[in-house]
Amino acid sequence: MSRSQQYDQQKQETADRHREMDAVDEVLHDLKSLKNASPLTSESLDVLIEAVEDYVHFEESLEYILRQIPDKVKDLLVE
């Protein structure tokens, strides 16, 4: 299982234990926490965070949101 798939699985488990919105909130928090500790440019990360916030606003599913996050970003988020 790739690191990206591990991240997806962790968030799906959170959704199963609690609510899907809790997992979505975790994803958004995880992305924001990368701002200072990431090799990604701040601008590209800001664009991704804004996109996820839009997905939340339009009530997109956790699965859809996770598909929109690049694998290289999810690799950085795996605990």
PDB file of N, CA and C in Angstrom:
ATOM      1  N   MET A   1       0.857  -1.172   0.000  1.00  0.00           N
ATOM      2  CA  MET A   1       0.000   0.000   0.000  1.00  0.00           C
ATOM      3  C   MET A   1       0.908   1.242   0.000  1.00  0.00           C
ATOM      4  N   SER A   2       0.618   2.163  -0.889  1.00  0.00           N
ATOM      5  CA  SER A   2       1.426   3.380  -0.965  1.00  0.00           C
ATOM      6  C   SER A   2       1.107   4.312   0.204  1.00  0.00           C
ATOM      7  N   ARG A   3       1.979   5.283   0.429  1.00  0.00           N
ATOM      8  CA  ARG A   3       1.762   6.246   1.510  1.00  0.00           C
ATOM      9  C   ARG A   3       0.486   7.043   1.253  1.00  0.00           C
ATOM     10  N   SER A   4       0.227   7.352   0.002  1.00  0.00           N
ATOM     11  CA  SER A   4      -0.981   8.079  -0.364  1.00  0.00           C
ATOM     12  C   SER A   4      -2.227   7.266  -0.010  1.00  0.00           C
ATOM     13  N   GLN A   5      -2.192   5.985  -0.306  1.00  0.00           N
ATOM     14  CA  GLN A   5      -3.319   5.107   0.018  1.00  0.00           C
ATOM     15  C   GLN A   5      -3.477   4.974   1.539  1.00  0.00           C
ATOM     16  N   GLN A   6      -2.351   4.965   2.259  1.00  0.00           N
ATOM     17  CA  GLN A   6      -2.416   4.904   3.720  1.00  0.00           C
ATOM     18  C   GLN A   6      -3.127   6.139   4.270  1.00  0.00           C
ATOM     19  N   TYR A   7      -2.808   7.294   3.699  1.00  0.00           N
ATOM     20  CA  TYR A   7      -3.456   8.529   4.151  1.00  0.00           C
ATOM     21  C   TYR A   7      -4.962   8.458   3.897  1.00  0.00           C
ATOM     22  N   ASP A   8      -5.336   8.031   2.689  1.00  0.00           N
ATOM     23  CA  ASP A   8      -6.756   7.887   2.369  1.00  0.00           C
ATOM     24  C   ASP A   8      -7.447   6.944   3.356  1.00  0.00           C
ATOM     25  N   GLN A   9      -6.790   5.837   3.659  1.00  0.00           N
ATOM     26  CA  GLN A   9      -7.369   4.856   4.572  1.00  0.00           C
ATOM     27  C   GLN A   9      -7.525   5.440   5.980  1.00  0.00           C
ATOM     28  N   GLN A  10      -6.519   6.188   6.439  1.00  0.00           N
ATOM     29  CA  GLN A  10      -6.617   6.815   7.767  1.00  0.00           C
ATOM     30  C   GLN A  10      -7.826   7.734   7.844  1.00  0.00           C
ATOM     31  N   LYS A  11      -8.045   8.521   6.817  1.00  0.00           N
ATOM     32  CA  LYS A  11      -9.161   9.474   6.836  1.00  0.00           C
ATOM     33  C   LYS A  11     -10.495   8.752   6.700  1.00  0.00           C
ATOM     34  N   GLN A  12     -10.515   7.675   5.938  1.00  0.00           N
ATOM     35  CA  GLN A  12     -11.751   6.892   5.821  1.00  0.00           C
ATOM     36  C   GLN A  12     -12.095   6.250   7.153  1.00  0.00           C
ATOM     37  N   GLU A  13     -11.070   5.787   7.886  1.00  0.00           N
ATOM     38  CA  GLU A  13     -11.305   5.209   9.209  1.00  0.00           C
ATOM     39  C   GLU A  13     -11.849   6.267  10.171  1.00  0.00           C
ATOM     40  N   THR A  14     -11.332   7.480  10.074  1.00  0.00           N
ATOM     41  CA  THR A  14     -11.864   8.570  10.898  1.00  0.00           C
ATOM     42  C   THR A  14     -13.329   8.799  10.573  1.00  0.00           C
ATOM     43  N   ALA A  15     -13.653   8.807   9.294  1.00  0.00           N
ATOM     44  CA  ALA A  15     -15.046   9.011   8.874  1.00  0.00           C
ATOM     45  C   ALA A  15     -15.936   7.885   9.382  1.00  0.00           C
ATOM     46  N   ASP A  16     -15.410   6.662   9.378  1.00  0.00           N
ATOM     47  CA  ASP A  16     -16.191   5.517   9.844  1.00  0.00           C
ATOM     48  C   ASP A  16     -16.428   5.581  11.355  1.00  0.00           C
ATOM     49  N   ARG A  17     -15.414   6.034  12.104  1.00  0.00           N
ATOM     50  CA  ARG A  17     -15.531   6.096  13.563  1.00  0.00           C
ATOM     51  C   ARG A  17     -16.367   7.278  14.021  1.00  0.00           C
ATOM     52  N   HIS A  18     -16.282   8.375  13.307  1.00  0.00           N
ATOM     53  CA  HIS A  18     -16.957   9.604  13.723  1.00  0.00           C
ATOM     54  C   HIS A  18     -17.957  10.023  12.639  1.00  0.00           C
ATOM     55  N   ARG A  19     -17.678  11.148  12.020  1.00  0.00           N
ATOM     56  CA  ARG A  19     -18.506  11.614  10.909  1.00  0.00           C
ATOM     57  C   ARG A  19     -17.583  11.943   9.749  1.00  0.00           C
ATOM     58  N   GLU A  20     -18.129  11.915   8.556  1.00  0.00           N
ATOM     59  CA  GLU A  20     -17.322  12.238   7.384  1.00  0.00           C
ATOM     60  C   GLU A  20     -16.764  13.653   7.492  1.00  0.00           C
ATOM     61  N   MET A  21     -17.551  14.558   8.041  1.00  0.00           N
ATOM     62  CA  MET A  21     -17.102  15.947   8.161  1.00  0.00           C
ATOM     63  C   MET A  21     -15.900  16.065   9.090  1.00  0.00           C
ATOM     64  N   ASP A  22     -15.807  15.199  10.094  1.00  0.00           N
ATOM     65  CA  ASP A  22     -14.633  15.203  10.971  1.00  0.00           C
ATOM     66  C   ASP A  22     -13.372  14.864  10.174  1.00  0.00           C
ATOM     67  N   ALA A  23     -13.482  13.897   9.286  1.00  0.00           N
ATOM     68  CA  ALA A  23     -12.341  13.513   8.461  1.00  0.00           C
ATOM     69  C   ALA A  23     -11.972  14.641   7.493  1.00  0.00           C
ATOM     70  N   VAL A  24     -12.974  15.298   6.928  1.00  0.00           N
ATOM     71  CA  VAL A  24     -12.721  16.425   6.026  1.00  0.00           C
ATOM     72  C   VAL A  24     -12.018  17.550   6.790  1.00  0.00           C
ATOM     73  N   ASP A  25     -12.461  17.815   7.999  1.00  0.00           N
ATOM     74  CA  ASP A  25     -11.805  18.837   8.831  1.00  0.00           C
ATOM     75  C   ASP A  25     -10.344  18.466   9.094  1.00  0.00           C
ATOM     76  N   GLU A  26     -10.087  17.186   9.335  1.00  0.00           N
ATOM     77  CA  GLU A  26      -8.712  16.735   9.549  1.00  0.00           C
ATOM     78  C   GLU A  26      -7.864  16.961   8.304  1.00  0.00           C
ATOM     79  N   VAL A  27      -8.419  16.669   7.139  1.00  0.00           N
ATOM     80  CA  VAL A  27      -7.688  16.873   5.883  1.00  0.00           C
ATOM     81  C   VAL A  27      -7.309  18.343   5.743  1.00  0.00           C
ATOM     82  N   LEU A  28      -8.258  19.220   5.978  1.00  0.00           N
ATOM     83  CA  LEU A  28      -7.998  20.658   5.871  1.00  0.00           C
ATOM     84  C   LEU A  28      -6.939  21.087   6.890  1.00  0.00           C
ATOM     85  N   HIS A  29      -7.049  20.601   8.103  1.00  0.00           N
ATOM     86  CA  HIS A  29      -6.055  20.918   9.135  1.00  0.00           C
ATOM     87  C   HIS A  29      -4.675  20.394   8.727  1.00  0.00           C
ATOM     88  N   ASP A  30      -4.616  19.175   8.222  1.00  0.00           N
ATOM     89  CA  ASP A  30      -3.340  18.590   7.798  1.00  0.00           C
ATOM     90  C   ASP A  30      -2.684  19.445   6.715  1.00  0.00           C
ATOM     91  N   LEU A  31      -3.482  19.889   5.750  1.00  0.00           N
ATOM     92  CA  LEU A  31      -2.936  20.711   4.671  1.00  0.00           C
ATOM     93  C   LEU A  31      -2.408  22.045   5.209  1.00  0.00           C
ATOM     94  N   LYS A  32      -3.156  22.642   6.111  1.00  0.00           N
ATOM     95  CA  LYS A  32      -2.716  23.920   6.684  1.00  0.00           C
ATOM     96  C   LYS A  32      -1.447  23.749   7.508  1.00  0.00           C
ATOM     97  N   SER A  33      -1.286  22.596   8.139  1.00  0.00           N
ATOM     98  CA  SER A  33      -0.089  22.360   8.956  1.00  0.00           C
ATOM     99  C   SER A  33       1.162  22.191   8.101  1.00  0.00           C
ATOM    100  N   LEU A  34       0.991  21.910   6.824  1.00  0.00           N
ATOM    101  CA  LEU A  34       2.137  21.760   5.925  1.00  0.00           C
ATOM    102  C   LEU A  34       2.744  23.101   5.514  1.00  0.00           C
ATOM    103  N   LYS A  35       2.032  24.178   5.737  1.00  0.00           N
ATOM    104  CA  LYS A  35       2.470  25.482   5.226  1.00  0.00           C
ATOM    105  C   LYS A  35       3.908  25.834   5.591  1.00  0.00           C
ATOM    106  N   ASN A  36       4.322  25.557   6.811  1.00  0.00           N
ATOM    107  CA  ASN A  36       5.664  25.945   7.233  1.00  0.00           C
ATOM    108  C   ASN A  36       6.673  24.811   7.174  1.00  0.00           C
ATOM    109  N   ALA A  37       6.206  23.601   6.986  1.00  0.00           N
ATOM    110  CA  ALA A  37       7.108  22.452   7.064  1.00  0.00           C
ATOM    111  C   ALA A  37       7.105  21.626   5.788  1.00  0.00           C
ATOM    112  N   SER A  38       6.919  22.266   4.668  1.00  0.00           N
ATOM    113  CA  SER A  38       6.751  21.513   3.438  1.00  0.00           C
ATOM    114  C   SER A  38       7.696  22.005   2.351  1.00  0.00           C
ATOM    115  N   PRO A  39       8.158  21.068   1.516  1.00  0.00           N
ATOM    116  CA  PRO A  39       8.962  21.473   0.368  1.00  0.00           C
ATOM    117  C   PRO A  39       8.103  22.085  -0.751  1.00  0.00           C
ATOM    118  N   LEU A  40       6.798  21.999  -0.607  1.00  0.00           N
ATOM    119  CA  LEU A  40       5.906  22.592  -1.601  1.00  0.00           C
ATOM    120  C   LEU A  40       5.931  24.108  -1.464  1.00  0.00           C
ATOM    121  N   THR A  41       5.691  24.781  -2.551  1.00  0.00           N
ATOM    122  CA  THR A  41       5.649  26.240  -2.465  1.00  0.00           C
ATOM    123  C   THR A  41       4.404  26.658  -1.698  1.00  0.00           C
ATOM    124  N   SER A  42       4.527  27.720  -0.988  1.00  0.00           N
ATOM    125  CA  SER A  42       3.410  28.231  -0.200  1.00  0.00           C
ATOM    126  C   SER A  42       2.222  28.565  -1.100  1.00  0.00           C
ATOM    127  N   GLU A  43       2.520  29.085  -2.278  1.00  0.00           N
ATOM    128  CA  GLU A  43       1.457  29.465  -3.211  1.00  0.00           C
ATOM    129  C   GLU A  43       0.664  28.245  -3.684  1.00  0.00           C
ATOM    130  N   SER A  44       1.345  27.177  -4.053  1.00  0.00           N
ATOM    131  CA  SER A  44       0.639  25.982  -4.525  1.00  0.00           C
ATOM    132  C   SER A  44      -0.167  25.355  -3.399  1.00  0.00           C
ATOM    133  N   LEU A  45       0.358  25.409  -2.192  1.00  0.00           N
ATOM    134  CA  LEU A  45      -0.363  24.876  -1.046  1.00  0.00           C
ATOM    135  C   LEU A  45      -1.593  25.725  -0.742  1.00  0.00           C
ATOM    136  N   ASP A  46      -1.451  27.048  -0.855  1.00  0.00           N
ATOM    137  CA  ASP A  46      -2.597  27.940  -0.641  1.00  0.00           C
ATOM    138  C   ASP A  46      -3.709  27.662  -1.649  1.00  0.00           C
ATOM    139  N   VAL A  47      -3.327  27.406  -2.901  1.00  0.00           N
ATOM    140  CA  VAL A  47      -4.320  27.098  -3.940  1.00  0.00           C
ATOM    141  C   VAL A  47      -5.049  25.800  -3.595  1.00  0.00           C
ATOM    142  N   LEU A  48      -4.304  24.806  -3.147  1.00  0.00           N
ATOM    143  CA  LEU A  48      -4.915  23.523  -2.776  1.00  0.00           C
ATOM    144  C   LEU A  48      -5.841  23.682  -1.574  1.00  0.00           C
ATOM    145  N   ILE A  49      -5.422  24.438  -0.581  1.00  0.00           N
ATOM    146  CA  ILE A  49      -6.260  24.674   0.604  1.00  0.00           C
ATOM    147  C   ILE A  49      -7.547  25.388   0.214  1.00  0.00           C
ATOM    148  N   GLU A  50      -7.441  26.392  -0.642  1.00  0.00           N
ATOM    149  CA  GLU A  50      -8.641  27.102  -1.106  1.00  0.00           C
ATOM    150  C   GLU A  50      -9.579  26.169  -1.858  1.00  0.00           C
ATOM    151  N   ALA A  51      -9.005  25.283  -2.667  1.00  0.00           N
ATOM    152  CA  ALA A  51      -9.833  24.330  -3.416  1.00  0.00           C
ATOM    153  C   ALA A  51     -10.576  23.403  -2.455  1.00  0.00           C
ATOM    154  N   VAL A  52      -9.881  22.899  -1.441  1.00  0.00           N
ATOM    155  CA  VAL A  52     -10.524  22.008  -0.471  1.00  0.00           C
ATOM    156  C   VAL A  52     -11.613  22.764   0.289  1.00  0.00           C
ATOM    157  N   GLU A  53     -11.352  24.008   0.648  1.00  0.00           N
ATOM    158  CA  GLU A  53     -12.387  24.802   1.321  1.00  0.00           C
ATOM    159  C   GLU A  53     -13.613  24.965   0.425  1.00  0.00           C
ATOM    160  N   ASP A  54     -13.396  25.145  -0.879  1.00  0.00           N
ATOM    161  CA  ASP A  54     -14.522  25.216  -1.823  1.00  0.00           C
ATOM    162  C   ASP A  54     -15.284  23.893  -1.868  1.00  0.00           C
ATOM    163  N   TYR A  55     -14.545  22.775  -1.875  1.00  0.00           N
ATOM    164  CA  TYR A  55     -15.196  21.463  -1.895  1.00  0.00           C
ATOM    165  C   TYR A  55     -16.063  21.283  -0.644  1.00  0.00           C
ATOM    166  N   VAL A  56     -15.559  21.755   0.490  1.00  0.00           N
ATOM    167  CA  VAL A  56     -16.325  21.666   1.736  1.00  0.00           C
ATOM    168  C   VAL A  56     -17.589  22.509   1.609  1.00  0.00           C
ATOM    169  N   HIS A  57     -17.436  23.714   1.076  1.00  0.00           N
ATOM    170  CA  HIS A  57     -18.582  24.615   0.905  1.00  0.00           C
ATOM    171  C   HIS A  57     -19.666  23.967   0.036  1.00  0.00           C
ATOM    172  N   PHE A  58     -19.238  23.259  -1.005  1.00  0.00           N
ATOM    173  CA  PHE A  58     -20.197  22.620  -1.909  1.00  0.00           C
ATOM    174  C   PHE A  58     -20.554  21.203  -1.473  1.00  0.00           C
ATOM    175  N   GLU A  59     -20.148  20.845  -0.239  1.00  0.00           N
ATOM    176  CA  GLU A  59     -20.495  19.570   0.383  1.00  0.00           C
ATOM    177  C   GLU A  59     -20.084  18.356  -0.442  1.00  0.00           C
ATOM    178  N   GLU A  60     -18.880  18.432  -0.997  1.00  0.00           N
ATOM    179  CA  GLU A  60     -18.339  17.283  -1.721  1.00  0.00           C
ATOM    180  C   GLU A  60     -17.983  16.185  -0.717  1.00  0.00           C
ATOM    181  N   SER A  61     -17.947  14.963  -1.170  1.00  0.00           N
ATOM    182  CA  SER A  61     -17.661  13.825  -0.291  1.00  0.00           C
ATOM    183  C   SER A  61     -16.174  13.766   0.055  1.00  0.00           C
ATOM    184  N   LEU A  62     -15.873  13.072   1.144  1.00  0.00           N
ATOM    185  CA  LEU A  62     -14.491  12.854   1.545  1.00  0.00           C
ATOM    186  C   LEU A  62     -13.724  12.170   0.416  1.00  0.00           C
ATOM    187  N   GLU A  63     -14.331  11.174  -0.179  1.00  0.00           N
ATOM    188  CA  GLU A  63     -13.680  10.439  -1.264  1.00  0.00           C
ATOM    189  C   GLU A  63     -13.298  11.377  -2.411  1.00  0.00           C
ATOM    190  N   TYR A  64     -14.205  12.257  -2.781  1.00  0.00           N
ATOM    191  CA  TYR A  64     -13.927  13.214  -3.860  1.00  0.00           C
ATOM    192  C   TYR A  64     -12.777  14.139  -3.472  1.00  0.00           C
ATOM    193  N   ILE A  65     -12.813  14.650  -2.250  1.00  0.00           N
ATOM    194  CA  ILE A  65     -11.761  15.566  -1.792  1.00  0.00           C
ATOM    195  C   ILE A  65     -10.408  14.871  -1.796  1.00  0.00           C
ATOM    196  N   LEU A  66     -10.351  13.644  -1.301  1.00  0.00           N
ATOM    197  CA  LEU A  66      -9.083  12.916  -1.274  1.00  0.00           C
ATOM    198  C   LEU A  66      -8.547  12.661  -2.681  1.00  0.00           C
ATOM    199  N   ARG A  67      -9.432  12.435  -3.641  1.00  0.00           N
ATOM    200  CA  ARG A  67      -8.985  12.227  -5.027  1.00  0.00           C
ATOM    201  C   ARG A  67      -8.376  13.493  -5.626  1.00  0.00           C
ATOM    202  N   GLN A  68      -8.747  14.650  -5.115  1.00  0.00           N
ATOM    203  CA  GLN A  68      -8.256  15.915  -5.660  1.00  0.00           C
ATOM    204  C   GLN A  68      -6.882  16.311  -5.109  1.00  0.00           C
ATOM    205  N   ILE A  69      -6.457  15.667  -4.051  1.00  0.00           N
ATOM    206  CA  ILE A  69      -5.171  15.989  -3.434  1.00  0.00           C
ATOM    207  C   ILE A  69      -4.091  15.140  -4.092  1.00  0.00           C
ATOM    208  N   PRO A  70      -3.057  15.779  -4.629  1.00  0.00           N
ATOM    209  CA  PRO A  70      -1.989  15.021  -5.301  1.00  0.00           C
ATOM    210  C   PRO A  70      -1.310  14.024  -4.356  1.00  0.00           C
ATOM    211  N   ASP A  71      -0.886  12.903  -4.908  1.00  0.00           N
ATOM    212  CA  ASP A  71      -0.219  11.859  -4.116  1.00  0.00           C
ATOM    213  C   ASP A  71       1.011  12.403  -3.394  1.00  0.00           C
ATOM    214  N   LYS A  72       1.763  13.284  -4.044  1.00  0.00           N
ATOM    215  CA  LYS A  72       2.982  13.790  -3.409  1.00  0.00           C
ATOM    216  C   LYS A  72       2.657  14.590  -2.142  1.00  0.00           C
ATOM    217  N   VAL A  73       1.496  15.223  -2.120  1.00  0.00           N
ATOM    218  CA  VAL A  73       1.068  15.959  -0.914  1.00  0.00           C
ATOM    219  C   VAL A  73       0.636  14.971   0.152  1.00  0.00           C
ATOM    220  N   LYS A  74      -0.145  13.968  -0.227  1.00  0.00           N
ATOM    221  CA  LYS A  74      -0.595  12.971   0.740  1.00  0.00           C
ATOM    222  C   LYS A  74       0.589  12.201   1.336  1.00  0.00           C
ATOM    223  N   ASP A  75       1.628  11.978   0.512  1.00  0.00           N
ATOM    224  CA  ASP A  75       2.818  11.300   1.021  1.00  0.00           C
ATOM    225  C   ASP A  75       3.427  12.075   2.186  1.00  0.00           C
ATOM    226  N   LEU A  76       3.374  13.393   2.123  1.00  0.00           N
ATOM    227  CA  LEU A  76       3.911  14.235   3.194  1.00  0.00           C
ATOM    228  C   LEU A  76       3.026  14.224   4.450  1.00  0.00           C
ATOM    229  N   LEU A  77       1.766  13.857   4.273  1.00  0.00           N
ATOM    230  CA  LEU A  77       0.801  13.922   5.367  1.00  0.00           C
ATOM    231  C   LEU A  77       0.672  12.634   6.161  1.00  0.00           C
ATOM    232  N   VAL A  78       1.221  11.526   5.635  1.00  0.00           N
ATOM    233  CA  VAL A  78       1.072  10.244   6.318  1.00  0.00           C
ATOM    234  C   VAL A  78       1.802  10.289   7.643  1.00  0.00           C
ATOM    235  N   GLU A  79       1.098   9.875   8.681  1.00  0.00           N
ATOM    236  CA  GLU A  79       1.688   9.886  10.035  1.00  0.00           C
ATOM    237  C   GLU A  79       2.536   8.661  10.259  1.00  0.00           C
TER     238      GLU A  79
END
